[in-house]
């Protein structure tokens, strides 16, 4: 299940926090044990291709930032 990266997803960790949180709470766990179980399950099931896409998107945004020399980033496309 892929999600698009939004402007608040400044680093891969920001993106994965939102991604994991959305899946962890999907079934509304009622106990700490259920929450821990969901966290472990979701983290172990993150597809490797999703990791690669998120990292590549981050690298692309770093390059855009460097090219902009502190200017606006109008040409940045956020995608996975």
C-alpha atoms as a PDB file:
ATOM      1  CA  UNK A   1       0.000   0.000   0.000  1.00  0.00           C
ATOM      2  CA  UNK A   2       1.803   3.112  -1.196  1.00  0.00           C
ATOM      3  CA  UNK A   3       1.009   6.630  -0.168  1.00  0.00           C
ATOM      4  CA  UNK A   4       2.191   9.834  -1.757  1.00  0.00           C
ATOM      5  CA  UNK A   5       4.715  11.992   0.027  1.00  0.00           C
ATOM      6  CA  UNK A   6       3.448  15.388   1.080  1.00  0.00           C
ATOM      7  CA  UNK A   7       5.265  18.604   1.901  1.00  0.00           C
ATOM      8  CA  UNK A   8       5.472  17.717   5.609  1.00  0.00           C
ATOM      9  CA  UNK A   9       7.454  14.564   4.827  1.00  0.00           C
ATOM     10  CA  UNK A  10      10.829  16.292   5.002  1.00  0.00           C
ATOM     11  CA  UNK A  11      12.915  13.158   5.451  1.00  0.00           C
ATOM     12  CA  UNK A  12      12.325   9.454   4.884  1.00  0.00           C
ATOM     13  CA  UNK A  13      11.667   9.076   8.618  1.00  0.00           C
ATOM     14  CA  UNK A  14       8.875  11.664   8.478  1.00  0.00           C
ATOM     15  CA  UNK A  15       7.255   9.743   5.654  1.00  0.00           C
ATOM     16  CA  UNK A  16       7.587   6.336   7.303  1.00  0.00           C
ATOM     17  CA  UNK A  17       6.231   7.649  10.607  1.00  0.00           C
ATOM     18  CA  UNK A  18       3.032   8.695   8.861  1.00  0.00           C
ATOM     19  CA  UNK A  19       2.889   5.542   6.765  1.00  0.00           C
ATOM     20  CA  UNK A  20       3.377   3.213   9.744  1.00  0.00           C
ATOM     21  CA  UNK A  21       0.987   5.190  11.961  1.00  0.00           C
ATOM     22  CA  UNK A  22      -1.806   5.046   9.375  1.00  0.00           C
ATOM     23  CA  UNK A  23      -1.527   1.257   9.132  1.00  0.00           C
ATOM     24  CA  UNK A  24      -0.909   0.606  12.845  1.00  0.00           C
ATOM     25  CA  UNK A  25      -4.124   2.354  13.843  1.00  0.00           C
ATOM     26  CA  UNK A  26      -6.234   0.994  10.958  1.00  0.00           C
ATOM     27  CA  UNK A  27      -7.880  -1.646  13.167  1.00  0.00           C
ATOM     28  CA  UNK A  28      -8.039   0.635  16.233  1.00  0.00           C
ATOM     29  CA  UNK A  29      -5.966  -1.442  18.680  1.00  0.00           C
ATOM     30  CA  UNK A  30      -7.454  -1.384  22.190  1.00  0.00           C
ATOM     31  CA  UNK A  31      -4.480  -2.541  24.243  1.00  0.00           C
ATOM     32  CA  UNK A  32      -0.784  -1.712  24.415  1.00  0.00           C
ATOM     33  CA  UNK A  33      -0.024  -5.303  23.429  1.00  0.00           C
ATOM     34  CA  UNK A  34      -2.209  -5.004  20.310  1.00  0.00           C
ATOM     35  CA  UNK A  35      -0.540  -1.693  19.460  1.00  0.00           C
ATOM     36  CA  UNK A  36       2.947  -3.188  19.834  1.00  0.00           C
ATOM     37  CA  UNK A  37       1.920  -6.171  17.715  1.00  0.00           C
ATOM     38  CA  UNK A  38       0.608  -3.891  14.958  1.00  0.00           C
ATOM     39  CA  UNK A  39       3.787  -1.784  14.988  1.00  0.00           C
ATOM     40  CA  UNK A  40       6.002  -4.849  14.619  1.00  0.00           C
ATOM     41  CA  UNK A  41       3.785  -6.338  11.912  1.00  0.00           C
ATOM     42  CA  UNK A  42       3.609  -3.142   9.854  1.00  0.00           C
ATOM     43  CA  UNK A  43       7.347  -2.454  10.092  1.00  0.00           C
ATOM     44  CA  UNK A  44       8.216  -6.003   9.029  1.00  0.00           C
ATOM     45  CA  UNK A  45       5.853  -5.736   6.045  1.00  0.00           C
ATOM     46  CA  UNK A  46       7.200  -2.468   4.574  1.00  0.00           C
ATOM     47  CA  UNK A  47       7.986  -3.353   0.963  1.00  0.00           C
ATOM     48  CA  UNK A  48      11.631  -2.892  -0.017  1.00  0.00           C
ATOM     49  CA  UNK A  49      10.621  -1.142  -3.244  1.00  0.00           C
ATOM     50  CA  UNK A  50       8.751   1.449  -1.173  1.00  0.00           C
ATOM     51  CA  UNK A  51      11.923   2.105   0.832  1.00  0.00           C
ATOM     52  CA  UNK A  52      13.880   2.561  -2.388  1.00  0.00           C
ATOM     53  CA  UNK A  53      11.303   4.993  -3.813  1.00  0.00           C
ATOM     54  CA  UNK A  54      11.164   7.066  -0.627  1.00  0.00           C
ATOM     55  CA  UNK A  55      14.956   7.323  -0.441  1.00  0.00           C
ATOM     56  CA  UNK A  56      15.221   8.232  -4.141  1.00  0.00           C
ATOM     57  CA  UNK A  57      12.539  10.910  -3.746  1.00  0.00           C
ATOM     58  CA  UNK A  58      14.465  12.356  -0.805  1.00  0.00           C
ATOM     59  CA  UNK A  59      17.712  12.387  -2.796  1.00  0.00           C
ATOM     60  CA  UNK A  60      15.938  14.100  -5.698  1.00  0.00           C
ATOM     61  CA  UNK A  61      14.608  16.782  -3.333  1.00  0.00           C
ATOM     62  CA  UNK A  62      18.102  17.329  -1.897  1.00  0.00           C
ATOM     63  CA  UNK A  63      19.411  17.915  -5.421  1.00  0.00           C
ATOM     64  CA  UNK A  64      16.535  20.339  -6.165  1.00  0.00           C
ATOM     65  CA  UNK A  65      17.305  22.211  -2.961  1.00  0.00           C
ATOM     66  CA  UNK A  66      20.973  22.486  -3.871  1.00  0.00           C
ATOM     67  CA  UNK A  67      20.123  23.740  -7.362  1.00  0.00           C
ATOM     68  CA  UNK A  68      17.702  26.329  -5.990  1.00  0.00           C
ATOM     69  CA  UNK A  69      20.400  27.922  -3.807  1.00  0.00           C
ATOM     70  CA  UNK A  70      17.883  28.737  -1.053  1.00  0.00           C
ATOM     71  CA  UNK A  71      15.217  29.811  -3.551  1.00  0.00           C
ATOM     72  CA  UNK A  72      11.695  28.451  -3.986  1.00  0.00           C
ATOM     73  CA  UNK A  73      11.281  24.818  -4.966  1.00  0.00           C
ATOM     74  CA  UNK A  74       8.484  25.234  -7.520  1.00  0.00           C
ATOM     75  CA  UNK A  75       9.686  22.317  -9.641  1.00  0.00           C
ATOM     76  CA  UNK A  76       9.717  19.731  -6.832  1.00  0.00           C
ATOM     77  CA  UNK A  77       7.327  16.864  -7.409  1.00  0.00           C
ATOM     78  CA  UNK A  78       6.483  14.762  -4.378  1.00  0.00           C
ATOM     79  CA  UNK A  79       5.783  11.172  -5.359  1.00  0.00           C
ATOM     80  CA  UNK A  80       6.449   7.540  -4.506  1.00  0.00           C
END
